[in-house]
Amino acid sequence: MDRESYSQGFADGVAFAREQMGVTASDLATRQRRKKVGGGNRNSPKQKLLTEMTAKKWNQYKKGSGKKTYVQIRAMVSRSQEYKRKAKKL
């Protein structure tokens, strides 16, 4: 099967599905645009605190010749007493 016939078959299938649902191409375009407009997920106060504290540690750490990843540093911060105390006050 060549590419052109596959593409044509796919396009015909999509057109048939739209016809069956009673949806036009412009309806689909507006629905897709609406999905993209929405804001992302909000971080909780604890997550914001963890990100800030991790950024400070990461900036200090990467100036040296460290081998740890950002995720490892974030895990260390999340287990630290300093983070736990600050998170408790939120």
C-alpha atoms as a PDB file:
ATOM      1  CA  MET A   1       0.000   0.000   0.000  1.00  0.00           C
ATOM      2  CA  ASP A   2       1.481   3.336  -0.948  1.00  0.00           C
ATOM      3  CA  ARG A   3       1.396   6.459   1.115  1.00  0.00           C
ATOM      4  CA  GLU A   4      -1.000   8.437  -1.037  1.00  0.00           C
ATOM      5  CA  SER A   5      -3.742   5.832  -0.941  1.00  0.00           C
ATOM      6  CA  TYR A   6      -3.308   5.435   2.824  1.00  0.00           C
ATOM      7  CA  SER A   7      -3.579   9.217   3.334  1.00  0.00           C
ATOM      8  CA  GLN A   8      -6.640   9.403   1.112  1.00  0.00           C
ATOM      9  CA  GLY A   9      -8.288   6.517   2.969  1.00  0.00           C
ATOM     10  CA  PHE A  10      -7.554   8.123   6.313  1.00  0.00           C
ATOM     11  CA  ALA A  11      -8.982  11.467   5.150  1.00  0.00           C
ATOM     12  CA  ASP A  12     -12.118   9.706   3.886  1.00  0.00           C
ATOM     13  CA  GLY A  13     -12.491   7.932   7.227  1.00  0.00           C
ATOM     14  CA  VAL A  14     -12.206  11.191   9.159  1.00  0.00           C
ATOM     15  CA  ALA A  15     -14.736  12.867   6.857  1.00  0.00           C
ATOM     16  CA  PHE A  16     -17.152   9.954   7.318  1.00  0.00           C
ATOM     17  CA  ALA A  17     -16.798  10.096  11.117  1.00  0.00           C
ATOM     18  CA  ARG A  18     -17.478  13.845  11.115  1.00  0.00           C
ATOM     19  CA  GLU A  19     -20.544  13.273   8.970  1.00  0.00           C
ATOM     20  CA  GLN A  20     -21.856  10.595  11.334  1.00  0.00           C
ATOM     21  CA  MET A  21     -21.355  12.834  14.385  1.00  0.00           C
ATOM     22  CA  GLY A  22     -22.786  15.893  12.674  1.00  0.00           C
ATOM     23  CA  VAL A  23     -19.680  17.931  13.396  1.00  0.00           C
ATOM     24  CA  THR A  24     -18.067  20.302  10.919  1.00  0.00           C
ATOM     25  CA  ALA A  25     -14.367  21.008  10.580  1.00  0.00           C
ATOM     26  CA  SER A  26     -14.855  24.528  11.981  1.00  0.00           C
ATOM     27  CA  ASP A  27     -16.517  23.069  15.109  1.00  0.00           C
ATOM     28  CA  LEU A  28     -13.499  20.853  15.706  1.00  0.00           C
ATOM     29  CA  ALA A  29     -11.125  23.778  15.215  1.00  0.00           C
ATOM     30  CA  THR A  30     -12.917  25.917  17.809  1.00  0.00           C
ATOM     31  CA  ARG A  31     -12.987  23.035  20.283  1.00  0.00           C
ATOM     32  CA  GLN A  32      -9.254  22.503  19.881  1.00  0.00           C
ATOM     33  CA  ARG A  33      -8.579  26.205  20.371  1.00  0.00           C
ATOM     34  CA  ARG A  34     -10.613  26.268  23.562  1.00  0.00           C
ATOM     35  CA  LYS A  35      -8.620  23.408  25.033  1.00  0.00           C
ATOM     36  CA  LYS A  36      -5.333  25.227  24.475  1.00  0.00           C
ATOM     37  CA  VAL A  37      -6.533  28.491  26.032  1.00  0.00           C
ATOM     38  CA  GLY A  38      -7.030  27.102  29.550  1.00  0.00           C
ATOM     39  CA  GLY A  39      -4.455  27.623  32.276  1.00  0.00           C
ATOM     40  CA  GLY A  40      -2.281  24.815  33.533  1.00  0.00           C
ATOM     41  CA  ASN A  41      -2.478  23.048  36.834  1.00  0.00           C
ATOM     42  CA  ARG A  42      -1.737  25.201  39.840  1.00  0.00           C
ATOM     43  CA  ASN A  43       0.974  24.180  42.256  1.00  0.00           C
ATOM     44  CA  SER A  44       0.087  23.815  45.895  1.00  0.00           C
ATOM     45  CA  PRO A  45       1.912  26.021  48.412  1.00  0.00           C
ATOM     46  CA  LYS A  46       4.027  23.027  49.475  1.00  0.00           C
ATOM     47  CA  GLN A  47       5.059  22.349  45.887  1.00  0.00           C
ATOM     48  CA  LYS A  48       5.991  26.001  45.376  1.00  0.00           C
ATOM     49  CA  LEU A  49       8.092  25.923  48.542  1.00  0.00           C
ATOM     50  CA  LEU A  50       9.788  22.703  47.446  1.00  0.00           C
ATOM     51  CA  THR A  51      10.574  24.157  44.021  1.00  0.00           C
ATOM     52  CA  GLU A  52      12.049  27.340  45.523  1.00  0.00           C
ATOM     53  CA  MET A  53      14.183  25.470  48.030  1.00  0.00           C
ATOM     54  CA  THR A  54      15.339  22.990  45.388  1.00  0.00           C
ATOM     55  CA  ALA A  55      16.315  25.813  43.030  1.00  0.00           C
ATOM     56  CA  LYS A  56      18.599  27.313  45.690  1.00  0.00           C
ATOM     57  CA  LYS A  57      20.269  23.975  46.431  1.00  0.00           C
ATOM     58  CA  TRP A  58      20.545  23.105  42.750  1.00  0.00           C
ATOM     59  CA  ASN A  59      22.222  26.421  41.891  1.00  0.00           C
ATOM     60  CA  GLN A  60      24.788  25.886  44.645  1.00  0.00           C
ATOM     61  CA  TYR A  61      25.334  22.257  43.671  1.00  0.00           C
ATOM     62  CA  LYS A  62      25.767  22.703  39.922  1.00  0.00           C
ATOM     63  CA  LYS A  63      28.573  25.242  40.425  1.00  0.00           C
ATOM     64  CA  GLY A  64      30.698  22.376  41.748  1.00  0.00           C
ATOM     65  CA  SER A  65      31.420  19.204  39.825  1.00  0.00           C
ATOM     66  CA  GLY A  66      28.449  17.230  41.141  1.00  0.00           C
ATOM     67  CA  LYS A  67      27.031  14.058  39.682  1.00  0.00           C
ATOM     68  CA  LYS A  68      23.501  14.220  41.092  1.00  0.00           C
ATOM     69  CA  THR A  69      20.463  15.099  39.044  1.00  0.00           C
ATOM     70  CA  TYR A  70      17.890  17.787  39.773  1.00  0.00           C
ATOM     71  CA  VAL A  71      15.407  15.088  40.756  1.00  0.00           C
ATOM     72  CA  GLN A  72      17.838  13.635  43.303  1.00  0.00           C
ATOM     73  CA  ILE A  73      18.450  17.077  44.801  1.00  0.00           C
ATOM     74  CA  ARG A  74      14.684  17.690  44.964  1.00  0.00           C
ATOM     75  CA  ALA A  75      14.204  14.388  46.775  1.00  0.00           C
ATOM     76  CA  MET A  76      16.893  15.314  49.294  1.00  0.00           C
ATOM     77  CA  VAL A  77      15.229  18.688  49.913  1.00  0.00           C
ATOM     78  CA  SER A  78      11.797  17.101  50.352  1.00  0.00           C
ATOM     79  CA  ARG A  79      13.213  14.820  53.070  1.00  0.00           C
ATOM     80  CA  SER A  80      15.081  17.608  54.857  1.00  0.00           C
ATOM     81  CA  GLN A  81      14.063  18.922  58.273  1.00  0.00           C
ATOM     82  CA  GLU A  82      14.245  22.507  57.017  1.00  0.00           C
ATOM     83  CA  TYR A  83      11.621  21.813  54.332  1.00  0.00           C
ATOM     84  CA  LYS A  84       9.394  19.906  56.740  1.00  0.00           C
ATOM     85  CA  ARG A  85       9.435  22.778  59.244  1.00  0.00           C
ATOM     86  CA  LYS A  86       8.589  25.379  56.619  1.00  0.00           C
ATOM     87  CA  ALA A  87       5.886  23.205  55.066  1.00  0.00           C
ATOM     88  CA  LYS A  88       4.288  22.674  58.459  1.00  0.00           C
ATOM     89  CA  LYS A  89       3.839  26.450  58.868  1.00  0.00           C
ATOM     90  CA  LEU A  90       1.912  26.798  55.586  1.00  0.00           C
END
